[in-house]
């Protein structure tokens, strides 16, 4: 089963959220409905970036990297606008 690593950007604030899911549409809807504790304060959200991974373990590793200092630098360099 494929998993997705995703980066969301708030439409109202300069906030970003990085996560994983196996259903991108459902997860974005959950964020925008306010069902996710951290993201409900900054909704609505847009998907800024996604990567498809082969399994949950690969997705978690990539998520962890993107949340690290070097991962955030990579996002700023490669994904516009951050």
PDB file of N, CA and C in Angstrom:
ATOM      1  N   UNK A   1       0.837  -1.179   0.000  1.00  0.00           N
ATOM      2  CA  UNK A   1       0.000   0.000   0.000  1.00  0.00           C
ATOM      3  C   UNK A   1       0.885   1.246   0.000  1.00  0.00           C
ATOM      4  N   UNK A   2       0.582   2.183  -0.874  1.00  0.00           N
ATOM      5  CA  UNK A   2       1.333   3.435  -0.931  1.00  0.00           C
ATOM      6  C   UNK A   2       0.970   4.360   0.218  1.00  0.00           C
ATOM      7  N   UNK A   3       1.959   5.088   0.672  1.00  0.00           N
ATOM      8  CA  UNK A   3       1.767   6.148   1.658  1.00  0.00           C
ATOM      9  C   UNK A   3       2.300   7.438   1.058  1.00  0.00           C
ATOM     10  N   UNK A   4       1.773   8.540   1.527  1.00  0.00           N
ATOM     11  CA  UNK A   4       2.159   9.847   1.018  1.00  0.00           C
ATOM     12  C   UNK A   4       2.744  10.680   2.143  1.00  0.00           C
ATOM     13  N   UNK A   5       3.867  11.301   1.858  1.00  0.00           N
ATOM     14  CA  UNK A   5       4.432  12.310   2.739  1.00  0.00           C
ATOM     15  C   UNK A   5       3.959  13.632   2.146  1.00  0.00           C
ATOM     16  N   UNK A   6       3.417  14.488   2.992  1.00  0.00           N
ATOM     17  CA  UNK A   6       2.852  15.724   2.465  1.00  0.00           C
ATOM     18  C   UNK A   6       3.272  16.924   3.304  1.00  0.00           C
ATOM     19  N   UNK A   7       3.301  18.067   2.635  1.00  0.00           N
ATOM     20  CA  UNK A   7       3.572  19.339   3.300  1.00  0.00           C
ATOM     21  C   UNK A   7       2.372  20.235   3.024  1.00  0.00           C
ATOM     22  N   UNK A   8       1.780  20.739   4.097  1.00  0.00           N
ATOM     23  CA  UNK A   8       0.662  21.669   3.984  1.00  0.00           C
ATOM     24  C   UNK A   8       1.138  23.073   4.319  1.00  0.00           C
ATOM     25  N   UNK A   9       0.498  24.057   3.701  1.00  0.00           N
ATOM     26  CA  UNK A   9       0.753  25.464   4.030  1.00  0.00           C
ATOM     27  C   UNK A   9      -0.579  26.106   4.379  1.00  0.00           C
ATOM     28  N   UNK A  10      -0.597  26.795   5.503  1.00  0.00           N
ATOM     29  CA  UNK A  10      -1.794  27.514   5.923  1.00  0.00           C
ATOM     30  C   UNK A  10      -2.086  28.655   4.957  1.00  0.00           C
ATOM     31  N   UNK A  11      -3.371  28.849   4.647  1.00  0.00           N
ATOM     32  CA  UNK A  11      -3.761  29.958   3.770  1.00  0.00           C
ATOM     33  C   UNK A  11      -3.782  31.294   4.508  1.00  0.00           C
ATOM     34  N   UNK A  12      -3.827  31.259   5.851  1.00  0.00           N
ATOM     35  CA  UNK A  12      -3.959  32.508   6.605  1.00  0.00           C
ATOM     36  C   UNK A  12      -2.704  32.914   7.366  1.00  0.00           C
ATOM     37  N   UNK A  13      -1.835  31.986   7.674  1.00  0.00           N
ATOM     38  CA  UNK A  13      -0.604  32.269   8.412  1.00  0.00           C
ATOM     39  C   UNK A  13       0.559  31.619   7.673  1.00  0.00           C
ATOM     40  N   UNK A  14       1.756  31.994   8.036  1.00  0.00           N
ATOM     41  CA  UNK A  14       2.940  31.390   7.430  1.00  0.00           C
ATOM     42  C   UNK A  14       3.348  30.155   8.232  1.00  0.00           C
ATOM     43  N   UNK A  15       2.437  29.175   8.289  1.00  0.00           N
ATOM     44  CA  UNK A  15       2.693  27.933   9.017  1.00  0.00           C
ATOM     45  C   UNK A  15       2.657  26.765   8.045  1.00  0.00           C
ATOM     46  N   UNK A  16       3.475  25.754   8.370  1.00  0.00           N
ATOM     47  CA  UNK A  16       3.565  24.557   7.553  1.00  0.00           C
ATOM     48  C   UNK A  16       3.337  23.346   8.432  1.00  0.00           C
ATOM     49  N   UNK A  17       2.863  22.263   7.819  1.00  0.00           N
ATOM     50  CA  UNK A  17       2.649  21.015   8.540  1.00  0.00           C
ATOM     51  C   UNK A  17       3.147  19.889   7.647  1.00  0.00           C
ATOM     52  N   UNK A  18       3.906  18.968   8.220  1.00  0.00           N
ATOM     53  CA  UNK A  18       4.438  17.818   7.486  1.00  0.00           C
ATOM     54  C   UNK A  18       3.862  16.567   8.119  1.00  0.00           C
ATOM     55  N   UNK A  19       3.323  15.670   7.295  1.00  0.00           N
ATOM     56  CA  UNK A  19       2.737  14.444   7.820  1.00  0.00           C
ATOM     57  C   UNK A  19       2.742  13.335   6.789  1.00  0.00           C
ATOM     58  N   UNK A  20       2.163  12.191   7.171  1.00  0.00           N
ATOM     59  CA  UNK A  20       2.014  11.064   6.247  1.00  0.00           C
ATOM     60  C   UNK A  20       0.580  10.560   6.307  1.00  0.00           C
ATOM     61  N   UNK A  21       0.161   9.911   5.232  1.00  0.00           N
ATOM     62  CA  UNK A  21      -1.171   9.322   5.164  1.00  0.00           C
ATOM     63  C   UNK A  21      -1.209   8.299   4.038  1.00  0.00           C
ATOM     64  N   UNK A  22      -2.217   7.442   4.072  1.00  0.00           N
ATOM     65  CA  UNK A  22      -2.438   6.537   2.944  1.00  0.00           C
ATOM     66  C   UNK A  22      -3.609   7.022   2.088  1.00  0.00           C
ATOM     67  N   UNK A  23      -4.228   8.151   2.481  1.00  0.00           N
ATOM     68  CA  UNK A  23      -5.344   8.731   1.733  1.00  0.00           C
ATOM     69  C   UNK A  23      -5.236  10.256   1.821  1.00  0.00           C
ATOM     70  N   UNK A  24      -4.659  10.839   0.814  1.00  0.00           N
ATOM     71  CA  UNK A  24      -4.351  12.270   0.830  1.00  0.00           C
ATOM     72  C   UNK A  24      -5.610  13.145   0.861  1.00  0.00           C
ATOM     73  N   UNK A  25      -6.608  12.801   0.064  1.00  0.00           N
ATOM     74  CA  UNK A  25      -7.846  13.591   0.037  1.00  0.00           C
ATOM     75  C   UNK A  25      -8.528  13.610   1.398  1.00  0.00           C
ATOM     76  N   UNK A  26      -8.653  12.432   2.012  1.00  0.00           N
ATOM     77  CA  UNK A  26      -9.295  12.327   3.319  1.00  0.00           C
ATOM     78  C   UNK A  26      -8.531  13.122   4.363  1.00  0.00           C
ATOM     79  N   UNK A  27      -7.213  13.000   4.335  1.00  0.00           N
ATOM     80  CA  UNK A  27      -6.395  13.668   5.350  1.00  0.00           C
ATOM     81  C   UNK A  27      -6.469  15.193   5.215  1.00  0.00           C
ATOM     82  N   UNK A  28      -6.435  15.712   3.997  1.00  0.00           N
ATOM     83  CA  UNK A  28      -6.566  17.155   3.807  1.00  0.00           C
ATOM     84  C   UNK A  28      -7.923  17.634   4.322  1.00  0.00           C
ATOM     85  N   UNK A  29      -8.955  16.865   4.045  1.00  0.00           N
ATOM     86  CA  UNK A  29     -10.294  17.213   4.531  1.00  0.00           C
ATOM     87  C   UNK A  29     -10.322  17.259   6.060  1.00  0.00           C
ATOM     88  N   UNK A  30      -9.672  16.281   6.710  1.00  0.00           N
ATOM     89  CA  UNK A  30      -9.612  16.263   8.175  1.00  0.00           C
ATOM     90  C   UNK A  30      -8.914  17.514   8.711  1.00  0.00           C
ATOM     91  N   UNK A  31      -7.828  17.901   8.080  1.00  0.00           N
ATOM     92  CA  UNK A  31      -7.115  19.112   8.499  1.00  0.00           C
ATOM     93  C   UNK A  31      -8.007  20.346   8.339  1.00  0.00           C
ATOM     94  N   UNK A  32      -8.688  20.445   7.209  1.00  0.00           N
ATOM     95  CA  UNK A  32      -9.488  21.638   6.935  1.00  0.00           C
ATOM     96  C   UNK A  32     -10.798  21.689   7.711  1.00  0.00           C
ATOM     97  N   UNK A  33     -11.274  20.550   8.195  1.00  0.00           N
ATOM     98  CA  UNK A  33     -12.472  20.529   9.041  1.00  0.00           C
ATOM     99  C   UNK A  33     -12.147  20.815  10.501  1.00  0.00           C
ATOM    100  N   UNK A  34     -10.861  20.835  10.839  1.00  0.00           N
ATOM    101  CA  UNK A  34     -10.461  21.099  12.217  1.00  0.00           C
ATOM    102  C   UNK A  34     -10.409  19.859  13.081  1.00  0.00           C
ATOM    103  N   UNK A  35     -10.327  18.685  12.466  1.00  0.00           N
ATOM    104  CA  UNK A  35     -10.282  17.424  13.215  1.00  0.00           C
ATOM    105  C   UNK A  35      -8.895  17.076  13.733  1.00  0.00           C
ATOM    106  N   UNK A  36      -7.878  17.810  13.330  1.00  0.00           N
ATOM    107  CA  UNK A  36      -6.506  17.550  13.750  1.00  0.00           C
ATOM    108  C   UNK A  36      -6.099  18.676  14.700  1.00  0.00           C
ATOM    109  N   UNK A  37      -5.704  18.302  15.895  1.00  0.00           N
ATOM    110  CA  UNK A  37      -5.472  19.267  16.971  1.00  0.00           C
ATOM    111  C   UNK A  37      -4.524  20.400  16.572  1.00  0.00           C
ATOM    112  N   UNK A  38      -3.331  20.082  16.103  1.00  0.00           N
ATOM    113  CA  UNK A  38      -2.345  21.126  15.829  1.00  0.00           C
ATOM    114  C   UNK A  38      -2.763  22.023  14.671  1.00  0.00           C
ATOM    115  N   UNK A  39      -3.371  21.452  13.638  1.00  0.00           N
ATOM    116  CA  UNK A  39      -3.647  22.236  12.429  1.00  0.00           C
ATOM    117  C   UNK A  39      -4.954  23.016  12.480  1.00  0.00           C
ATOM    118  N   UNK A  40      -5.823  22.733  13.431  1.00  0.00           N
ATOM    119  CA  UNK A  40      -7.123  23.417  13.426  1.00  0.00           C
ATOM    120  C   UNK A  40      -6.999  24.922  13.668  1.00  0.00           C
ATOM    121  N   UNK A  41      -5.948  25.354  14.339  1.00  0.00           N
ATOM    122  CA  UNK A  41      -5.758  26.785  14.611  1.00  0.00           C
ATOM    123  C   UNK A  41      -5.398  27.592  13.372  1.00  0.00           C
ATOM    124  N   UNK A  42      -4.874  26.924  12.347  1.00  0.00           N
ATOM    125  CA  UNK A  42      -4.339  27.636  11.183  1.00  0.00           C
ATOM    126  C   UNK A  42      -5.054  27.272   9.884  1.00  0.00           C
ATOM    127  N   UNK A  43      -6.224  26.679   9.967  1.00  0.00           N
ATOM    128  CA  UNK A  43      -6.954  26.294   8.758  1.00  0.00           C
ATOM    129  C   UNK A  43      -7.505  27.519   8.054  1.00  0.00           C
ATOM    130  N   UNK A  44      -7.734  27.461   6.774  1.00  0.00           N
ATOM    131  CA  UNK A  44      -7.642  26.319   5.876  1.00  0.00           C
ATOM    132  C   UNK A  44      -6.211  26.091   5.370  1.00  0.00           C
ATOM    133  N   UNK A  45      -5.996  24.893   4.850  1.00  0.00           N
ATOM    134  CA  UNK A  45      -4.689  24.446   4.391  1.00  0.00           C
ATOM    135  C   UNK A  45      -4.720  24.111   2.907  1.00  0.00           C
ATOM    136  N   UNK A  46      -3.578  24.288   2.258  1.00  0.00           N
ATOM    137  CA  UNK A  46      -3.351  23.834   0.882  1.00  0.00           C
ATOM    138  C   UNK A  46      -2.208  22.837   0.892  1.00  0.00           C
ATOM    139  N   UNK A  47      -2.269  21.876  -0.016  1.00  0.00           N
ATOM    140  CA  UNK A  47      -1.148  20.951  -0.181  1.00  0.00           C
ATOM    141  C   UNK A  47      -0.069  21.675  -0.977  1.00  0.00           C
ATOM    142  N   UNK A  48       1.105  21.757  -0.390  1.00  0.00           N
ATOM    143  CA  UNK A  48       2.237  22.426  -1.026  1.00  0.00           C
ATOM    144  C   UNK A  48       3.125  21.424  -1.760  1.00  0.00           C
ATOM    145  N   UNK A  49       3.232  20.200  -1.208  1.00  0.00           N
ATOM    146  CA  UNK A  49       4.179  19.222  -1.744  1.00  0.00           C
ATOM    147  C   UNK A  49       3.774  17.826  -1.289  1.00  0.00           C
ATOM    148  N   UNK A  50       3.944  16.833  -2.156  1.00  0.00           N
ATOM    149  CA  UNK A  50       3.714  15.429  -1.785  1.00  0.00           C
ATOM    150  C   UNK A  50       4.795  14.543  -2.390  1.00  0.00           C
ATOM    151  N   UNK A  51       5.038  13.427  -1.733  1.00  0.00           N
ATOM    152  CA  UNK A  51       5.887  12.358  -2.251  1.00  0.00           C
ATOM    153  C   UNK A  51       5.164  11.046  -1.997  1.00  0.00           C
ATOM    154  N   UNK A  52       5.218  10.138  -2.953  1.00  0.00           N
ATOM    155  CA  UNK A  52       4.624   8.815  -2.798  1.00  0.00           C
ATOM    156  C   UNK A  52       5.704   7.845  -2.365  1.00  0.00           C
ATOM    157  N   UNK A  53       5.422   7.105  -1.292  1.00  0.00           N
ATOM    158  CA  UNK A  53       6.364   6.120  -0.768  1.00  0.00           C
ATOM    159  C   UNK A  53       5.717   4.737  -0.850  1.00  0.00           C
ATOM    160  N   UNK A  54       6.545   3.699  -0.915  1.00  0.00           N
ATOM    161  CA  UNK A  54       6.055   2.342  -1.086  1.00  0.00           C
ATOM    162  C   UNK A  54       5.397   1.737   0.136  1.00  0.00           C
ATOM    163  N   UNK A  55       5.754   2.232   1.318  1.00  0.00           N
ATOM    164  CA  UNK A  55       5.166   1.688   2.542  1.00  0.00           C
ATOM    165  C   UNK A  55       5.269   2.710   3.674  1.00  0.00           C
ATOM    166  N   UNK A  56       4.647   2.365   4.798  1.00  0.00           N
ATOM    167  CA  UNK A  56       4.576   3.292   5.926  1.00  0.00           C
ATOM    168  C   UNK A  56       5.946   3.566   6.540  1.00  0.00           C
ATOM    169  N   UNK A  57       6.815   2.565   6.576  1.00  0.00           N
ATOM    170  CA  UNK A  57       8.145   2.739   7.167  1.00  0.00           C
ATOM    171  C   UNK A  57       8.956   3.751   6.365  1.00  0.00           C
ATOM    172  N   UNK A  58       8.945   3.617   5.031  1.00  0.00           N
ATOM    173  CA  UNK A  58       9.651   4.585   4.180  1.00  0.00           C
ATOM    174  C   UNK A  58       9.074   5.989   4.365  1.00  0.00           C
ATOM    175  N   UNK A  59       7.759   6.064   4.446  1.00  0.00           N
ATOM    176  CA  UNK A  59       7.100   7.364   4.610  1.00  0.00           C
ATOM    177  C   UNK A  59       7.492   8.013   5.935  1.00  0.00           C
ATOM    178  N   UNK A  60       7.537   7.243   7.013  1.00  0.00           N
ATOM    179  CA  UNK A  60       7.931   7.786   8.327  1.00  0.00           C
ATOM    180  C   UNK A  60       9.366   8.308   8.299  1.00  0.00           C
ATOM    181  N   UNK A  61      10.258   7.555   7.638  1.00  0.00           N
ATOM    182  CA  UNK A  61      11.654   7.997   7.539  1.00  0.00           C
ATOM    183  C   UNK A  61      11.756   9.325   6.795  1.00  0.00           C
ATOM    184  N   UNK A  62      11.017   9.438   5.694  1.00  0.00           N
ATOM    185  CA  UNK A  62      11.053  10.670   4.906  1.00  0.00           C
ATOM    186  C   UNK A  62      10.424  11.832   5.678  1.00  0.00           C
ATOM    187  N   UNK A  63       9.320  11.551   6.372  1.00  0.00           N
ATOM    188  CA  UNK A  63       8.682  12.575   7.205  1.00  0.00           C
ATOM    189  C   UNK A  63       9.658  13.080   8.267  1.00  0.00           C
ATOM    190  N   UNK A  64      10.337  12.156   8.917  1.00  0.00           N
ATOM    191  CA  UNK A  64      11.296  12.531   9.959  1.00  0.00           C
ATOM    192  C   UNK A  64      12.409  13.400   9.370  1.00  0.00           C
ATOM    193  N   UNK A  65      12.892  13.026   8.184  1.00  0.00           N
ATOM    194  CA  UNK A  65      13.929  13.829   7.531  1.00  0.00           C
ATOM    195  C   UNK A  65      13.413  15.236   7.217  1.00  0.00           C
ATOM    196  N   UNK A  66      12.221  15.328   6.619  1.00  0.00           N
ATOM    197  CA  UNK A  66      11.694  16.639   6.234  1.00  0.00           C
ATOM    198  C   UNK A  66      11.443  17.538   7.438  1.00  0.00           C
ATOM    199  N   UNK A  67      11.209  16.949   8.601  1.00  0.00           N
ATOM    200  CA  UNK A  67      11.004  17.728   9.823  1.00  0.00           C
ATOM    201  C   UNK A  67      12.329  18.136  10.474  1.00  0.00           C
ATOM    202  N   UNK A  68      13.428  17.546  10.019  1.00  0.00           N
ATOM    203  CA  UNK A  68      14.741  17.881  10.575  1.00  0.00           C
ATOM    204  C   UNK A  68      15.232  19.210   9.995  1.00  0.00           C
ATOM    205  N   UNK A  69      16.295  19.733  10.582  1.00  0.00           N
ATOM    206  CA  UNK A  69      16.875  20.993  10.096  1.00  0.00           C
ATOM    207  C   UNK A  69      17.297  20.878   8.631  1.00  0.00           C
ATOM    208  N   UNK A  70      17.996  19.802   8.287  1.00  0.00           N
ATOM    209  CA  UNK A  70      18.451  19.648   6.902  1.00  0.00           C
ATOM    210  C   UNK A  70      17.274  19.406   5.959  1.00  0.00           C
ATOM    211  N   UNK A  71      16.243  18.730   6.427  1.00  0.00           N
ATOM    212  CA  UNK A  71      15.050  18.513   5.609  1.00  0.00           C
ATOM    213  C   UNK A  71      14.308  19.805   5.325  1.00  0.00           C
ATOM    214  N   UNK A  72      14.218  20.663   6.321  1.00  0.00           N
ATOM    215  CA  UNK A  72      13.561  21.964   6.119  1.00  0.00           C
ATOM    216  C   UNK A  72      14.376  22.833   5.159  1.00  0.00           C
ATOM    217  N   UNK A  73      15.703  22.745   5.243  1.00  0.00           N
ATOM    218  CA  UNK A  73      16.549  23.465   4.289  1.00  0.00           C
ATOM    219  C   UNK A  73      16.306  22.944   2.875  1.00  0.00           C
ATOM    220  N   UNK A  74      16.178  21.612   2.733  1.00  0.00           N
ATOM    221  CA  UNK A  74      15.910  21.013   1.426  1.00  0.00           C
ATOM    222  C   UNK A  74      14.576  21.525   0.880  1.00  0.00           C
ATOM    223  N   UNK A  75      13.551  21.563   1.735  1.00  0.00           N
ATOM    224  CA  UNK A  75      12.245  22.059   1.298  1.00  0.00           C
ATOM    225  C   UNK A  75      12.334  23.512   0.839  1.00  0.00           C
ATOM    226  N   UNK A  76      13.025  24.349   1.602  1.00  0.00           N
ATOM    227  CA  UNK A  76      13.145  25.762   1.232  1.00  0.00           C
ATOM    228  C   UNK A  76      13.865  25.938  -0.099  1.00  0.00           C
ATOM    229  N   UNK A  77      14.850  25.084  -0.346  1.00  0.00           N
ATOM    230  CA  UNK A  77      15.626  25.170  -1.580  1.00  0.00           C
ATOM    231  C   UNK A  77      14.834  24.653  -2.786  1.00  0.00           C
ATOM    232  N   UNK A  78      14.050  23.598  -2.593  1.00  0.00           N
ATOM    233  CA  UNK A  78      13.431  22.899  -3.715  1.00  0.00           C
ATOM    234  C   UNK A  78      11.944  23.152  -3.917  1.00  0.00           C
ATOM    235  N   UNK A  79      11.258  23.638  -2.908  1.00  0.00           N
ATOM    236  CA  UNK A  79       9.817  23.841  -3.010  1.00  0.00           C
ATOM    237  C   UNK A  79       9.524  25.326  -2.867  1.00  0.00           C
ATOM    238  N   UNK A  80       8.849  25.885  -3.823  1.00  0.00           N
ATOM    239  CA  UNK A  80       8.513  27.309  -3.790  1.00  0.00           C
ATOM    240  C   UNK A  80       7.011  27.451  -3.634  1.00  0.00           C
ATOM    241  N   UNK A  81       6.485  28.383  -2.920  1.00  0.00           N
ATOM    242  CA  UNK A  81       7.167  29.308  -2.024  1.00  0.00           C
ATOM    243  C   UNK A  81       7.147  28.786  -0.601  1.00  0.00           C
ATOM    244  N   UNK A  82       8.294  28.777   0.049  1.00  0.00           N
ATOM    245  CA  UNK A  82       8.376  28.402   1.468  1.00  0.00           C
ATOM    246  C   UNK A  82       8.786  29.596   2.281  1.00  0.00           C
TER     247      UNK A  82
END
